[in-house]
Amino acid sequence: MGSKRLAMSSENSQHLSDRLQVTDATLISRSPSVLTAEVDGEVLIMSIERGCYFSLNDVGYDIWRRLDTPCSFAELIDSLAADYDAAKATIVEDVQALLSRMIAEDIIRVA
């Protein structure tokens, strides 16, 4: 991750509530009601139910790809830590922030 921060931008600048608190065993999966497309080199995720679209930076898209198959929070963090040069605590913080936004917009589901 280096100096990159996980980010997901939205067309609406709605303020989000508290960060998502998950355990290592929390199962994360994509919502079945979203579409993903690449448009002009940018990855867009569209919520069919909400009629909104969101763009992901490179790291956010990498996380999205890893959620193609549902996985636990611990598995996601471990796989990211293996591939990115960043402190695990930083990865956890950044991923929790991204997942909170995705949950608020019904892009992913947690169980």
Protein backbone atom coordinates (compact mmCIF):
# COMPACT_ATOMS: atom_id res chain seq x y z
CA MET A 1 0.00 0.00 0.00
CA GLY A 2 2.85 2.36 0.67
CA SER A 3 1.50 5.87 0.62
CA LYS A 4 -1.74 4.82 -1.04
CA ARG A 5 -4.86 4.94 1.07
CA LEU A 6 -7.86 2.81 0.27
CA ALA A 7 -10.52 5.01 -1.19
CA MET A 8 -13.90 4.74 -2.73
CA SER A 9 -15.45 7.86 -4.13
CA SER A 10 -19.17 8.31 -4.56
CA GLU A 11 -21.20 10.67 -6.65
CA ASN A 12 -22.92 11.83 -3.47
CA SER A 13 -20.90 13.16 -0.53
CA GLN A 14 -23.06 11.74 2.21
CA HIS A 15 -21.51 11.67 5.70
CA LEU A 16 -21.06 8.20 7.12
CA SER A 17 -21.59 7.13 10.66
CA ASP A 18 -19.15 5.21 12.83
CA ARG A 19 -16.66 2.82 11.33
CA LEU A 20 -17.63 -0.78 10.87
CA GLN A 21 -16.48 -2.99 13.71
CA VAL A 22 -15.85 -6.52 12.55
CA THR A 23 -14.19 -9.56 13.97
CA ASP A 24 -11.68 -11.75 12.18
CA ALA A 25 -14.47 -14.28 11.58
CA THR A 26 -16.87 -11.80 9.95
CA LEU A 27 -17.80 -13.14 6.50
CA ILE A 28 -17.73 -10.54 3.72
CA SER A 29 -19.44 -10.98 0.35
CA ARG A 30 -20.52 -8.84 -2.57
CA SER A 31 -24.12 -7.72 -2.71
CA PRO A 32 -26.00 -9.47 -5.51
CA SER A 33 -27.60 -6.16 -6.53
CA VAL A 34 -24.49 -4.42 -7.93
CA LEU A 35 -22.86 -4.30 -11.33
CA THR A 36 -19.19 -3.63 -12.02
CA ALA A 37 -17.77 -2.11 -15.19
CA GLU A 38 -14.60 -0.45 -16.41
CA VAL A 39 -15.28 2.87 -18.12
CA ASP A 40 -12.45 4.97 -19.56
CA GLY A 41 -9.92 3.19 -17.35
CA GLU A 42 -11.96 3.71 -14.18
CA VAL A 43 -13.69 0.91 -12.26
CA LEU A 44 -17.32 1.71 -11.50
CA ILE A 45 -19.71 -0.15 -9.25
CA MET A 46 -23.40 0.54 -9.72
CA SER A 47 -26.05 -0.16 -7.13
CA ILE A 48 -29.08 -1.32 -9.09
CA GLU A 49 -31.43 -0.80 -6.15
CA ARG A 50 -30.15 2.67 -5.25
CA GLY A 51 -29.41 3.90 -8.77
CA CYS A 52 -26.01 5.24 -7.63
CA TYR A 53 -22.54 4.55 -8.91
CA PHE A 54 -19.19 4.52 -7.16
CA SER A 55 -15.62 4.48 -8.37
CA LEU A 56 -12.71 2.62 -6.81
CA ASN A 57 -9.03 3.41 -6.81
CA ASP A 58 -6.58 0.62 -7.70
CA VAL A 59 -6.35 -0.75 -4.17
CA GLY A 60 -10.12 -0.55 -3.66
CA TYR A 61 -10.61 -2.47 -6.88
CA ASP A 62 -8.09 -5.07 -5.72
CA ILE A 63 -10.17 -5.57 -2.57
CA TRP A 64 -13.33 -5.80 -4.69
CA ARG A 65 -11.72 -8.51 -6.83
CA ARG A 66 -10.73 -10.44 -3.70
CA LEU A 67 -14.38 -10.39 -2.61
CA ASP A 68 -15.41 -12.23 -5.77
CA THR A 69 -15.47 -15.25 -3.47
CA PRO A 70 -16.83 -14.54 0.03
CA CYS A 71 -14.10 -14.54 2.67
CA SER A 72 -13.58 -13.70 6.31
CA PHE A 73 -12.21 -10.34 7.37
CA ALA A 74 -9.05 -12.09 8.64
CA GLU A 75 -8.51 -13.83 5.28
CA LEU A 76 -8.94 -10.54 3.42
CA ILE A 77 -6.50 -8.70 5.71
CA ASP A 78 -3.93 -11.53 5.56
CA SER A 79 -4.04 -11.64 1.76
CA LEU A 80 -3.64 -7.86 1.52
CA ALA A 81 -0.79 -7.86 4.07
CA ALA A 82 1.01 -10.48 1.97
CA ASP A 83 0.78 -8.32 -1.16
CA TYR A 84 1.22 -4.75 0.12
CA ASP A 85 4.07 -3.09 1.96
CA ALA A 86 2.14 -1.52 4.83
CA ALA A 87 1.67 -2.10 8.53
CA LYS A 88 -1.10 -4.57 9.25
CA ALA A 89 -2.79 -2.02 11.56
CA THR A 90 -2.92 0.47 8.67
CA ILE A 91 -4.41 -2.15 6.37
CA VAL A 92 -7.06 -3.03 8.98
CA GLU A 93 -7.98 0.64 9.47
CA ASP A 94 -8.18 1.37 5.75
CA VAL A 95 -10.15 -1.77 4.93
CA GLN A 96 -12.63 -1.12 7.75
CA ALA A 97 -13.20 2.41 6.41
CA LEU A 98 -13.80 1.10 2.88
CA LEU A 99 -16.07 -1.73 4.03
CA SER A 100 -18.12 0.73 6.13
CA ARG A 101 -18.80 2.81 3.03
CA MET A 102 -19.62 -0.29 0.99
CA ILE A 103 -22.03 -1.59 3.63
CA ALA A 104 -23.75 1.80 3.94
CA GLU A 105 -24.40 1.72 0.19
CA ASP A 106 -25.37 -1.99 0.14
CA ILE A 107 -22.41 -2.89 -2.08
CA ILE A 108 -21.25 -5.68 0.23
CA ARG A 109 -22.85 -7.81 2.90
CA VAL A 110 -21.37 -9.02 6.18
CA ALA A 111 -22.42 -11.94 8.37
